[in-house]
Structures are given as structure tokens and as C-alpha cells.
Amino acid sequence: MTADIPVLDGHMHLLTAESQREEGGWMPAMSPALADAARRRRERYEREQAVPSALPNDERAYPVYARAEALGIPVLFHFGVTLDYRSDLRYANPLDLHAVARDFPGLPLIVAHAGAGFFRETLFLAYHCANVYVDTSGSGAWMGYLPRPLTLREVLGRVLEVFGPDRVLFGSDSRHAAEGYRHWLLREHREALEALGVPETERRKVLGGNMARLLRLAW
């Protein structure tokens, strides 16, 4: 049974005191302290807009990739749609990662949320780039905005078929203290893997073994 398989969540957000104050600026009925945090966030954003946006393959980031490759540290990217309305979808295509994967073949690169809408492009990367991995984290809201809406079961089936069981990672994208851990997402992943008839050895990889290998953890 999948419920007996240990889980290593490959995609979570650490909630710090500072990030909690900043995100508090987005909430209604703000206290004076939260209003001040929102103001500071807005000012920072306005300053940052003076800096041109960069693609994932911008060579200014290459020293970071080189160091990560030397240390054996995987790098995760959020592509596709996001909750932040200030994002720029012109820079959301996972195919921009192809050059980085080519130039740093020993660097594990993770496409979060299965591309979050750029699903076809994420699958294309599997063909060309053996060092690109995919995680299936998040609520999957993007699945309903495709020309033909997909289910989690269909997404898992395709990424397992195209990437193979060694390059698919489970993640919950849990982040908010009030929400707590997204147990429902873990349950849905377990149920989908069982419904697909994925062998237990492969389910163990997806639910923790693959991420443990990337992080060089005993599992």
C-alpha cells in the first residue's frame, strides 16, 4: 500500500518571521504593523522594476549554476502561472532551461509544478535533457486552464511515461502556517499512483526516493 511508503516532500516553503510579515501585507483588515510591511514590500517592488527581467539562461547566473554543479546541489525553478499578479509570463516558459541543462550537464534542474501550465514544454525537456527533473507540487489549478483540462492522474501518468520514474518528484508546495501541511495533496498523489498501477518500487521513488538521491540522504 502507498500509505506505508515513507514520504520526503520535495517542494515546501519555509515560513520565517520576515516572510510572514511580508505576506501579511496581502491580507485584508491589516493592522498598522502589517500595513507597514505591505508598504515596504511595494516600495521594494517598485525599486526592483528598474532592473530588467532576466531569463533562466541568462549568463549572469552561470556562476551560481557552476557552483551548484560543483557542490551537487539541485536547483528548482518555478515556471508557468503563479498567484502573484505582478509576474511576467514572458519569462515563464520551461524551454528557457534547455540551454542551462546543456551547459551544465551534471547539475540537477527541477521544473516545479510540472511547468504550471507549460506542460507540453516541460515534457519536451525530458527528451533533450537527462538532468532535468519534474515535480508535481501545488494544487494543480493550472490543469483547468489548458485547452483540454487534465487531472492529477493524467499528469502523473504522462510525466512518469516521459520522464521515467527516476526523474519525477512529489511535492506539496505547503507554505502557510494557518493552512498547515497539505495532507490532501499527499493523499491525492497516493491515490493517483495506485489507480495508475504504478509498481511499489516506482512509487517509493516518486514519493521520496528520488529527492533523497538528489540530496544524498539515506532513504
Protein backbone atom coordinates (compact mmCIF):
# COMPACT_ATOMS: atom_id res chain seq x y z
CA MET A 1 0.00 0.00 0.00
CA THR A 2 1.18 3.52 -0.82
CA ALA A 3 0.23 4.68 2.70
CA ASP A 4 3.09 2.57 4.06
CA ILE A 5 5.70 4.29 1.88
CA PRO A 6 7.79 6.97 3.65
CA VAL A 7 7.48 10.43 2.10
CA LEU A 8 10.14 13.08 1.50
CA ASP A 9 8.35 16.23 0.35
CA GLY A 10 10.44 17.80 -2.40
CA HIS A 11 8.72 21.20 -2.51
CA MET A 12 7.83 23.19 0.59
CA HIS A 13 8.22 26.83 1.65
CA LEU A 14 9.89 27.69 4.92
CA LEU A 15 7.76 30.27 6.71
CA THR A 16 10.03 32.71 8.51
CA ALA A 17 9.04 35.66 10.67
CA GLU A 18 10.02 38.08 7.92
CA SER A 19 8.17 36.25 5.14
CA GLN A 20 5.12 36.03 7.39
CA ARG A 21 5.21 39.79 7.93
CA GLU A 22 5.54 40.41 4.20
CA GLU A 23 2.74 38.06 3.22
CA GLY A 24 0.63 39.61 5.93
CA GLY A 25 0.68 42.71 3.77
CA TRP A 26 -1.56 40.92 1.27
CA MET A 27 -4.28 40.09 3.78
CA PRO A 28 -7.47 42.14 4.40
CA ALA A 29 -8.09 44.09 7.61
CA MET A 30 -4.42 44.81 8.15
CA SER A 31 -3.10 46.02 11.45
CA PRO A 32 -0.79 49.08 11.36
CA ALA A 33 2.24 46.78 11.53
CA LEU A 34 1.04 44.71 8.58
CA ALA A 35 0.19 47.84 6.61
CA ASP A 36 3.77 49.00 7.13
CA ALA A 37 5.07 45.64 5.85
CA ALA A 38 2.89 45.95 2.75
CA ARG A 39 4.20 49.45 2.13
CA ARG A 40 7.80 48.27 2.38
CA ARG A 41 7.08 45.40 0.03
CA ARG A 42 5.53 47.75 -2.51
CA GLU A 43 8.50 50.09 -2.33
CA ARG A 44 10.91 47.22 -2.82
CA TYR A 45 8.91 46.01 -5.81
CA GLU A 46 8.98 49.45 -7.40
CA ARG A 47 12.75 49.59 -6.95
CA GLU A 48 13.18 46.14 -8.48
CA GLN A 49 11.22 47.11 -11.58
CA ALA A 50 14.11 49.32 -12.59
CA VAL A 51 16.13 46.13 -13.10
CA PRO A 52 15.42 44.35 -16.41
CA SER A 53 13.95 40.88 -16.08
CA ALA A 54 16.30 38.02 -16.88
CA LEU A 55 15.72 34.61 -18.48
CA PRO A 56 16.70 31.33 -16.67
CA ASN A 57 19.53 31.00 -19.26
CA ASP A 58 20.99 34.48 -18.58
CA GLU A 59 24.75 34.02 -18.37
CA ARG A 60 24.88 36.32 -15.34
CA ALA A 61 23.51 33.37 -13.39
CA TYR A 62 26.06 30.89 -14.74
CA PRO A 63 28.47 31.25 -11.80
CA VAL A 64 25.65 30.16 -9.48
CA TYR A 65 24.91 27.13 -11.66
CA ALA A 66 28.58 26.24 -11.83
CA ARG A 67 28.90 26.37 -8.05
CA ALA A 68 25.73 24.32 -7.55
CA GLU A 69 27.00 21.73 -10.03
CA ALA A 70 30.33 21.51 -8.22
CA LEU A 71 28.57 21.03 -4.88
CA GLY A 72 26.00 18.60 -6.23
CA ILE A 73 23.08 20.83 -5.24
CA PRO A 74 19.86 20.62 -7.29
CA VAL A 75 18.24 23.87 -8.43
CA LEU A 76 14.46 24.27 -8.59
CA PHE A 77 12.60 26.70 -10.86
CA HIS A 78 9.02 27.93 -10.83
CA PHE A 79 7.75 28.27 -14.39
CA GLY A 80 4.25 28.92 -15.70
CA VAL A 81 1.42 30.68 -13.95
CA THR A 82 1.63 31.95 -10.39
CA LEU A 83 -0.59 33.56 -7.77
CA ASP A 84 1.42 36.79 -7.97
CA TYR A 85 -0.27 39.07 -10.49
CA ARG A 86 2.97 41.04 -10.88
CA SER A 87 4.71 38.09 -12.55
CA ASP A 88 5.64 38.24 -16.24
CA LEU A 89 4.56 35.21 -18.28
CA ARG A 90 7.05 36.14 -21.00
CA TYR A 91 9.68 34.61 -18.71
CA ALA A 92 7.61 31.58 -17.65
CA ASN A 93 8.49 29.04 -20.37
CA PRO A 94 10.45 26.00 -19.13
CA LEU A 95 12.15 25.70 -22.52
CA ASP A 96 14.41 28.56 -21.43
CA LEU A 97 16.02 25.99 -19.15
CA HIS A 98 17.30 23.95 -22.10
CA ALA A 99 20.49 25.98 -22.53
CA VAL A 100 21.31 25.72 -18.82
CA ALA A 101 20.75 21.96 -18.85
CA ARG A 102 23.00 21.66 -21.90
CA ASP A 103 25.79 23.82 -20.46
CA PHE A 104 25.69 22.18 -17.00
CA PRO A 105 25.02 18.50 -17.68
CA GLY A 106 25.95 17.49 -14.12
CA LEU A 107 23.51 19.91 -12.49
CA PRO A 108 20.09 18.51 -11.48
CA LEU A 109 17.43 21.03 -12.55
CA ILE A 110 13.87 20.72 -11.26
CA VAL A 111 10.82 22.14 -13.04
CA ALA A 112 8.25 22.81 -10.32
CA HIS A 113 4.50 22.21 -10.68
CA ALA A 114 5.05 20.22 -13.92
CA GLY A 115 5.51 23.58 -15.64
CA ALA A 116 2.30 25.07 -14.17
CA GLY A 117 0.51 25.30 -17.50
CA PHE A 118 3.51 24.87 -19.78
CA PHE A 119 3.03 21.12 -19.62
CA ARG A 120 3.93 20.31 -23.23
CA GLU A 121 7.12 22.36 -22.96
CA THR A 122 8.06 20.55 -19.74
CA LEU A 123 7.63 17.20 -21.49
CA PHE A 124 9.84 18.41 -24.34
CA LEU A 125 12.67 19.00 -21.87
CA ALA A 126 12.54 15.34 -20.84
CA TYR A 127 13.52 14.34 -24.37
CA HIS A 128 16.60 16.56 -24.62
CA CYS A 129 17.82 16.95 -21.05
CA ALA A 130 18.64 13.94 -18.90
CA ASN A 131 19.46 16.23 -15.95
CA VAL A 132 16.01 17.86 -15.82
CA TYR A 133 13.54 16.58 -13.23
CA VAL A 134 9.88 17.47 -12.69
CA ASP A 135 7.90 17.90 -9.51
CA THR A 136 4.13 17.65 -9.30
CA SER A 137 3.67 20.02 -6.39
CA GLY A 138 0.87 22.51 -5.84
CA SER A 139 -2.90 22.48 -6.09
CA GLY A 140 -2.83 21.89 -9.85
CA ALA A 141 -5.19 24.79 -10.56
CA TRP A 142 -3.36 25.29 -13.87
CA MET A 143 -4.72 21.95 -15.11
CA GLY A 144 -8.13 23.52 -15.58
CA TYR A 145 -6.84 26.26 -17.90
CA LEU A 146 -5.47 24.04 -20.66
CA PRO A 147 -7.31 23.54 -23.98
CA ARG A 148 -8.32 20.19 -22.55
CA PRO A 149 -8.36 20.17 -18.74
CA LEU A 150 -6.24 17.48 -17.14
CA THR A 151 -6.49 15.55 -13.89
CA LEU A 152 -3.66 14.80 -11.50
CA ARG A 153 -3.86 11.17 -12.55
CA GLU A 154 -3.32 12.13 -16.20
CA VAL A 155 -0.44 14.47 -15.35
CA LEU A 156 1.30 11.85 -13.23
CA GLY A 157 0.78 9.24 -15.92
CA ARG A 158 2.36 11.41 -18.60
CA VAL A 159 5.36 12.58 -16.57
CA LEU A 160 6.07 9.02 -15.47
CA GLU A 161 5.87 7.83 -19.05
CA VAL A 162 8.01 10.63 -20.49
CA PHE A 163 10.49 11.44 -17.70
CA GLY A 164 10.56 7.94 -16.27
CA PRO A 165 10.15 7.03 -12.58
CA ASP A 166 13.66 8.23 -11.67
CA ARG A 167 13.00 11.88 -12.55
CA VAL A 168 9.57 12.55 -11.02
CA LEU A 169 9.36 14.14 -7.56
CA PHE A 170 6.44 14.52 -5.19
CA GLY A 171 5.91 17.92 -3.59
CA SER A 172 3.06 19.54 -1.70
CA ASP A 173 4.00 23.23 -2.00
CA SER A 174 2.90 23.63 1.62
CA ARG A 175 3.67 27.06 2.99
CA HIS A 176 1.08 28.83 5.13
CA ALA A 177 1.08 28.20 8.85
CA ALA A 178 -2.69 28.68 9.01
CA GLU A 179 -3.25 26.14 6.25
CA GLY A 180 -0.83 23.63 7.68
CA TYR A 181 0.60 20.73 5.76
CA ARG A 182 -1.31 19.84 2.60
CA HIS A 183 -2.17 16.28 3.58
CA TRP A 184 -4.94 16.24 0.99
CA LEU A 185 -2.39 16.64 -1.81
CA LEU A 186 -0.33 13.75 -0.50
CA ARG A 187 -3.48 11.64 -0.31
CA GLU A 188 -4.42 12.54 -3.90
CA HIS A 189 -0.94 11.63 -5.14
CA ARG A 190 -1.05 8.30 -3.36
CA GLU A 191 -4.48 7.52 -4.77
CA ALA A 192 -3.47 8.54 -8.30
CA LEU A 193 -0.31 6.42 -8.24
CA GLU A 194 -2.30 3.41 -7.05
CA ALA A 195 -5.02 3.99 -9.68
CA LEU A 196 -2.34 4.10 -12.38
CA GLY A 197 -0.99 0.76 -11.23
CA VAL A 198 2.50 2.16 -10.64
CA PRO A 199 4.72 -0.55 -9.12
CA GLU A 200 5.65 -0.06 -5.48
CA THR A 201 9.34 0.35 -6.29
CA GLU A 202 8.50 3.30 -8.56
CA ARG A 203 6.03 4.80 -6.09
CA ARG A 204 8.79 4.79 -3.48
CA LYS A 205 11.00 6.74 -5.87
CA VAL A 206 8.37 9.37 -6.63
CA LEU A 207 7.26 9.86 -3.02
CA GLY A 208 10.74 10.33 -1.62
CA GLY A 209 13.47 8.14 -3.03
CA ASN A 210 14.32 10.38 -5.98
CA MET A 211 14.61 13.53 -3.89
CA ALA A 212 16.64 11.66 -1.26
CA ARG A 213 19.04 10.62 -4.01
CA LEU A 214 19.40 14.18 -5.28
CA LEU A 215 20.06 15.43 -1.74
CA ARG A 216 22.31 12.45 -0.98
CA LEU A 217 20.22 11.41 2.00
CA ALA A 218 19.89 7.89 3.34
CA TRP A 219 16.44 6.57 2.44
